[in-house]
Amino acid sequence: MIFDFRLKVFHTVATKLSFTKAALELFITQPAVTKHIRELEQQTGQRLFKRNGNSVSLTAAGELLLRYAEKVFDIYSALDTELAQLNNTIGGTLRIGASTTIAQAVLPKLLALFKKSYPAVSFTFTEANTDAISHKIIDEKLDIGLVEGSSHFPQLAYSNFIKDEIVLVARSGSQLAKLTEIVPRQLLDIPLIKREQGSGTLEVINNALLAIGLNPRDLNVEARIENSASIKEYLLHSDAAAFLSVQAITKELRYNELTIIDVKGLEISRDFQFVHSQGNVSSLVHLFKRFCATHYNLK
């Protein structure tokens, strides 16, 4: 990709808000980062950063340059893709995001297979909750996302990826695991680990509980933890339970580390969905969607 490296240095410092972290990411020295920023400030005639001890923040001019720098890099990315297509090769850059469960349990293997199949395609990968991924696409910071939950934004287009089931699980051998099946009202007495607000998983769970007459606010919430991996680790050392995607617990079920507790009359299912901007999208986005849909079924 053709770009002004000095602008890349600025963008990295502006997003990390750290000269040290920028130097590490760019594999250059911190004095070199400082030199590039100083030259850019001389070129623009504006101070771009405010330095207060060890902290760094953007000036008004810095915030303006950051907005335009992101637009410049988007144009470079589109150029990179179209140049690759002129050479009859599939290449370019794809910015991918996924909500937490998909990012941790489903997508890593697919991304590795995608890279092997299309080595000329480079990609970045962002993990965040469903709301955050959706807003990044709206703000044109991501090209495509894979999300869970039922929230829909009118600016975005959605299509189904795979079906998922959410189940109640506890540590194998615990008192809870011995129950094997409970009635819905018993959920009110069980210490539960829940996901953070904005989580697509949490939204689906709450809607399912309301549908069987349980108010999520009445649950005995022991803790809120923001991702499935941390929730699983917590469960393995506690007597609590949690609602988790079956996609996220295949290994723990195989090795009998976690046990599913059936809740009579409660079935929680959802679709994992592709999401991108409405209207025209790049050929790389369509390629990635087809690849995921095909290769997931071959897993």
Protein backbone atom coordinates (compact mmCIF):
# COMPACT_ATOMS: atom_id res chain seq x y z
CA MET A 1 0.00 0.00 0.00
CA ILE A 2 1.27 3.48 -0.86
CA PHE A 3 1.02 5.98 1.98
CA ASP A 4 2.90 8.68 3.82
CA PHE A 5 4.58 6.89 6.72
CA ARG A 6 4.58 10.11 8.72
CA LEU A 7 0.78 10.12 8.55
CA LYS A 8 0.78 6.48 9.67
CA VAL A 9 2.92 7.43 12.68
CA PHE A 10 0.49 10.23 13.56
CA HIS A 11 -2.53 7.93 13.23
CA THR A 12 -0.93 5.31 15.49
CA VAL A 13 -0.04 7.85 18.20
CA ALA A 14 -3.51 9.42 17.92
CA THR A 15 -5.32 6.10 18.38
CA LYS A 16 -2.99 4.74 21.06
CA LEU A 17 -2.48 8.13 22.76
CA SER A 18 1.02 6.96 23.56
CA PHE A 19 4.35 7.58 21.84
CA THR A 20 5.76 4.45 23.47
CA LYS A 21 2.95 2.15 22.29
CA ALA A 22 3.12 3.66 18.80
CA ALA A 23 6.85 2.96 18.62
CA LEU A 24 6.30 -0.67 19.64
CA GLU A 25 3.53 -1.20 17.10
CA LEU A 26 5.48 0.42 14.25
CA PHE A 27 8.79 -1.25 15.15
CA ILE A 28 10.64 2.06 15.35
CA THR A 29 12.24 3.93 18.23
CA GLN A 30 10.36 6.44 20.37
CA PRO A 31 12.71 9.28 19.29
CA ALA A 32 11.84 8.41 15.67
CA VAL A 33 8.13 8.70 16.51
CA THR A 34 8.74 12.09 18.12
CA LYS A 35 10.73 13.23 15.07
CA HIS A 36 7.95 12.25 12.64
CA ILE A 37 5.31 14.04 14.73
CA ARG A 38 7.48 17.16 15.04
CA GLU A 39 7.98 17.24 11.26
CA LEU A 40 4.26 16.81 10.69
CA GLU A 41 3.51 19.66 13.10
CA GLN A 42 5.98 21.85 11.21
CA GLN A 43 4.39 20.84 7.92
CA THR A 44 0.85 21.65 9.09
CA GLY A 45 1.82 24.64 11.21
CA GLN A 46 -0.30 23.25 14.06
CA ARG A 47 0.32 21.52 17.36
CA LEU A 48 -1.26 18.10 17.07
CA PHE A 49 -0.83 16.77 20.61
CA LYS A 50 -1.01 18.15 24.12
CA ARG A 51 1.53 16.58 26.47
CA ASN A 52 0.91 16.61 30.20
CA GLY A 53 3.55 14.54 31.96
CA ASN A 54 3.17 10.98 30.65
CA SER A 55 -0.29 11.55 29.19
CA VAL A 56 -1.00 12.58 25.60
CA SER A 57 -4.18 14.01 24.10
CA LEU A 58 -5.17 15.45 20.76
CA THR A 59 -5.51 19.15 20.11
CA ALA A 60 -8.39 20.43 17.97
CA ALA A 61 -6.04 20.34 14.97
CA GLY A 62 -5.02 16.79 15.90
CA GLU A 63 -8.64 15.64 16.04
CA LEU A 64 -9.26 17.20 12.63
CA LEU A 65 -6.20 15.52 11.12
CA LEU A 66 -7.21 12.18 12.64
CA ARG A 67 -10.62 12.32 10.97
CA TYR A 68 -9.07 13.03 7.59
CA ALA A 69 -6.26 10.50 8.09
CA GLU A 70 -8.85 7.76 8.56
CA LYS A 71 -10.55 8.83 5.32
CA VAL A 72 -7.19 8.81 3.53
CA PHE A 73 -6.43 5.26 4.72
CA ASP A 74 -9.90 4.13 3.61
CA ILE A 75 -9.16 5.47 0.11
CA TYR A 76 -5.77 3.73 0.09
CA SER A 77 -7.46 0.48 1.11
CA ALA A 78 -9.99 0.76 -1.73
CA LEU A 79 -7.15 1.56 -4.16
CA ASP A 80 -5.20 -1.46 -2.95
CA THR A 81 -8.19 -3.72 -3.57
CA GLU A 82 -8.90 -2.37 -7.07
CA LEU A 83 -5.25 -2.58 -8.10
CA ALA A 84 -5.22 -6.25 -7.08
CA GLN A 85 -8.35 -6.87 -9.14
CA LEU A 86 -6.72 -5.25 -12.20
CA ASN A 87 -3.98 -7.86 -11.88
CA ASN A 88 -6.62 -10.61 -11.80
CA THR A 89 -5.65 -11.47 -8.25
CA ILE A 90 -7.86 -11.41 -5.19
CA GLY A 91 -6.19 -8.97 -2.85
CA GLY A 92 -6.71 -5.82 -0.85
CA THR A 93 -7.51 -5.00 2.74
CA LEU A 94 -10.57 -6.04 4.73
CA ARG A 95 -11.49 -4.63 8.15
CA ILE A 96 -13.41 -7.31 10.04
CA GLY A 97 -15.15 -7.09 13.40
CA ALA A 98 -16.98 -9.65 15.49
CA SER A 99 -18.94 -9.67 18.71
CA THR A 100 -17.30 -11.49 21.58
CA THR A 101 -18.70 -15.02 21.32
CA ILE A 102 -18.14 -15.23 17.57
CA ALA A 103 -14.71 -13.65 17.85
CA GLN A 104 -13.53 -16.19 20.41
CA ALA A 105 -15.35 -19.40 19.46
CA VAL A 106 -16.09 -19.29 15.73
CA LEU A 107 -13.98 -16.87 13.72
CA PRO A 108 -10.27 -17.58 14.49
CA LYS A 109 -10.19 -20.84 12.50
CA LEU A 110 -12.15 -19.30 9.63
CA LEU A 111 -9.74 -16.34 9.48
CA ALA A 112 -6.75 -18.66 9.32
CA LEU A 113 -8.36 -20.67 6.50
CA PHE A 114 -9.31 -17.48 4.67
CA LYS A 115 -5.71 -16.21 4.82
CA LYS A 116 -4.41 -19.52 3.46
CA SER A 117 -6.91 -19.40 0.60
CA TYR A 118 -6.32 -15.72 -0.23
CA PRO A 119 -2.77 -14.80 0.86
CA ALA A 120 -2.87 -11.49 -1.04
CA VAL A 121 -5.73 -10.27 1.17
CA SER A 122 -4.69 -8.53 4.35
CA PHE A 123 -7.15 -7.95 7.16
CA THR A 124 -7.53 -6.36 10.55
CA PHE A 125 -9.71 -7.96 13.19
CA THR A 126 -11.57 -6.18 15.98
CA GLU A 127 -13.39 -7.83 18.87
CA ALA A 128 -16.09 -5.90 20.74
CA ASN A 129 -19.70 -6.31 21.80
CA THR A 130 -22.50 -6.18 19.25
CA ASP A 131 -23.33 -2.50 19.78
CA ALA A 132 -19.69 -1.44 19.44
CA ILE A 133 -19.18 -3.46 16.23
CA SER A 134 -22.37 -2.00 14.74
CA HIS A 135 -21.31 1.57 15.48
CA LYS A 136 -17.83 0.98 14.04
CA ILE A 137 -19.44 -0.09 10.77
CA ILE A 138 -21.75 2.94 10.80
CA ASP A 139 -18.68 5.14 11.42
CA GLU A 140 -16.92 3.41 8.48
CA LYS A 141 -14.17 2.00 10.70
CA LEU A 142 -15.06 -1.59 9.76
CA ASP A 143 -16.12 -3.15 6.45
CA ILE A 144 -18.01 -6.16 7.80
CA GLY A 145 -19.01 -7.60 11.15
CA LEU A 146 -20.38 -10.83 12.55
CA VAL A 147 -22.71 -10.16 15.45
CA GLU A 148 -25.16 -11.77 17.83
CA GLY A 149 -28.34 -10.38 19.30
CA SER A 150 -31.47 -8.87 17.81
CA SER A 151 -30.57 -5.16 17.65
CA HIS A 152 -30.93 -3.72 14.17
CA PHE A 153 -29.74 -0.35 12.92
CA PRO A 154 -31.50 1.07 9.82
CA GLN A 155 -28.14 2.13 8.33
CA LEU A 156 -26.94 -1.49 8.25
CA ALA A 157 -27.75 -4.59 6.21
CA TYR A 158 -28.02 -7.98 7.95
CA SER A 159 -27.92 -11.56 6.67
CA ASN A 160 -27.86 -14.87 8.54
CA PHE A 161 -24.64 -16.78 9.14
CA ILE A 162 -25.33 -19.74 11.48
CA LYS A 163 -27.78 -20.79 14.18
CA ASP A 164 -26.67 -20.78 17.80
CA GLU A 165 -28.13 -22.09 21.05
CA ILE A 166 -27.55 -20.60 24.50
CA VAL A 167 -27.62 -22.97 27.47
CA LEU A 168 -27.28 -22.76 31.25
CA VAL A 169 -24.02 -24.33 32.44
CA ALA A 170 -22.22 -24.94 35.73
CA ARG A 171 -19.02 -26.63 36.85
CA SER A 172 -19.24 -30.41 36.55
CA GLY A 173 -19.42 -31.99 39.99
CA SER A 174 -20.93 -28.90 41.62
CA GLN A 175 -24.22 -28.97 43.49
CA LEU A 176 -25.88 -27.09 40.64
CA ALA A 177 -24.69 -29.58 38.04
CA LYS A 178 -26.33 -32.40 39.97
CA LEU A 179 -29.76 -30.82 39.37
CA THR A 180 -29.63 -31.63 35.60
CA GLU A 181 -33.05 -29.94 35.14
CA ILE A 182 -34.76 -27.05 36.93
CA VAL A 183 -37.99 -25.09 36.56
CA PRO A 184 -37.74 -21.42 35.59
CA ARG A 185 -38.50 -20.06 39.08
CA GLN A 186 -35.42 -21.83 40.43
CA LEU A 187 -33.29 -19.51 38.33
CA LEU A 188 -34.04 -16.74 40.83
CA ASP A 189 -32.13 -18.61 43.55
CA ILE A 190 -29.05 -19.57 41.52
CA PRO A 191 -26.01 -17.28 41.59
CA LEU A 192 -25.49 -16.25 37.98
CA ILE A 193 -22.64 -14.72 36.01
CA LYS A 194 -23.93 -12.32 33.38
CA ARG A 195 -22.45 -10.49 30.42
CA GLU A 196 -21.96 -6.72 30.26
CA GLN A 197 -24.56 -4.25 29.01
CA GLY A 198 -24.41 -3.94 25.21
CA SER A 199 -23.72 -7.65 24.82
CA GLY A 200 -25.81 -9.34 22.13
CA THR A 201 -25.83 -12.54 24.20
CA LEU A 202 -27.25 -10.69 27.20
CA GLU A 203 -29.98 -9.14 25.06
CA VAL A 204 -31.08 -12.52 23.70
CA ILE A 205 -31.08 -14.10 27.18
CA ASN A 206 -33.12 -11.28 28.70
CA ASN A 207 -35.71 -11.46 25.92
CA ALA A 208 -36.07 -15.23 26.39
CA LEU A 209 -36.51 -14.88 30.15
CA LEU A 210 -39.17 -12.20 29.72
CA ALA A 211 -41.01 -14.51 27.31
CA ILE A 212 -41.42 -17.14 30.07
CA GLY A 213 -42.45 -14.57 32.68
CA LEU A 214 -39.13 -13.94 34.46
CA ASN A 215 -37.84 -10.41 34.95
CA PRO A 216 -34.05 -10.36 34.42
CA ARG A 217 -33.81 -7.76 37.18
CA ASP A 218 -34.98 -10.37 39.69
CA LEU A 219 -32.07 -12.72 38.99
CA ASN A 220 -29.35 -13.34 41.58
CA VAL A 221 -26.40 -11.82 39.71
CA GLU A 222 -23.11 -12.69 41.38
CA ALA A 223 -20.91 -10.86 38.88
CA ARG A 224 -20.82 -9.30 35.42
CA ILE A 225 -17.98 -10.37 33.15
CA GLU A 226 -17.47 -9.11 29.62
CA ASN A 227 -16.51 -12.23 27.66
CA SER A 228 -17.24 -15.93 27.48
CA ALA A 229 -13.64 -17.05 28.05
CA SER A 230 -13.47 -15.23 31.39
CA ILE A 231 -16.92 -16.46 32.39
CA LYS A 232 -15.89 -20.08 31.72
CA GLU A 233 -12.74 -19.70 33.81
CA TYR A 234 -14.78 -18.16 36.63
CA LEU A 235 -17.29 -21.03 36.54
CA LEU A 236 -14.53 -23.63 36.81
CA HIS A 237 -13.61 -22.17 40.21
CA SER A 238 -17.05 -21.31 41.60
CA ASP A 239 -20.51 -22.70 42.37
CA ALA A 240 -22.24 -20.20 40.08
CA ALA A 241 -23.90 -20.80 36.71
CA ALA A 242 -24.07 -18.84 33.47
CA PHE A 243 -25.87 -18.78 30.15
CA LEU A 244 -23.32 -19.41 27.39
CA SER A 245 -23.32 -20.22 23.70
CA VAL A 246 -22.83 -23.89 22.90
CA GLN A 247 -20.26 -22.66 20.36
CA ALA A 248 -18.15 -21.39 23.25
CA ILE A 249 -18.19 -24.50 25.45
CA THR A 250 -17.53 -27.43 23.10
CA LYS A 251 -14.13 -28.20 24.64
CA GLU A 252 -15.40 -27.91 28.22
CA LEU A 253 -18.30 -30.25 27.49
CA ARG A 254 -16.00 -32.74 25.75
CA TYR A 255 -13.68 -32.89 28.75
CA ASN A 256 -16.57 -32.86 31.25
CA GLU A 257 -15.48 -29.59 32.82
CA LEU A 258 -18.89 -27.94 32.45
CA THR A 259 -22.38 -29.47 32.56
CA ILE A 260 -25.56 -28.22 30.89
CA ILE A 261 -28.54 -27.66 33.20
CA ASP A 262 -31.86 -27.85 31.36
CA VAL A 263 -34.41 -25.17 32.24
CA LYS A 264 -37.88 -26.60 31.65
CA GLY A 265 -39.72 -24.66 28.95
CA LEU A 266 -36.78 -22.37 28.19
CA GLU A 267 -35.11 -22.59 24.80
CA ILE A 268 -32.75 -19.82 23.76
CA SER A 269 -31.67 -19.75 20.14
CA ARG A 270 -30.47 -17.00 17.86
CA ASP A 271 -28.83 -16.31 14.54
CA PHE A 272 -25.26 -15.14 14.21
CA GLN A 273 -25.44 -12.51 11.48
CA PHE A 274 -23.24 -10.77 8.96
CA VAL A 275 -23.61 -7.00 9.09
CA HIS A 276 -22.30 -4.28 6.79
CA SER A 277 -23.37 -0.91 5.42
CA GLN A 278 -26.51 -0.63 3.30
CA GLY A 279 -25.99 -0.26 -0.44
CA ASN A 280 -22.92 -1.16 -2.44
CA VAL A 281 -20.21 -3.11 -0.66
CA SER A 282 -16.85 -4.26 -1.95
CA SER A 283 -16.28 -7.57 -3.70
CA LEU A 284 -14.01 -8.54 -0.78
CA VAL A 285 -16.94 -8.27 1.63
CA HIS A 286 -19.03 -10.58 -0.57
CA LEU A 287 -16.09 -12.98 -0.90
CA PHE A 288 -15.57 -13.12 2.86
CA LYS A 289 -19.27 -13.78 3.50
CA ARG A 290 -19.35 -16.64 0.98
CA PHE A 291 -16.14 -18.10 2.37
CA CYS A 292 -17.39 -18.10 5.99
CA ALA A 293 -20.76 -19.60 5.08
CA THR A 294 -19.13 -22.37 3.04
CA HIS A 295 -16.21 -23.27 5.26
CA TYR A 296 -18.09 -23.18 8.56
CA ASN A 297 -20.28 -25.99 7.26
CA LEU A 298 -17.12 -27.99 6.44
CA LYS A 299 -15.65 -27.69 9.95
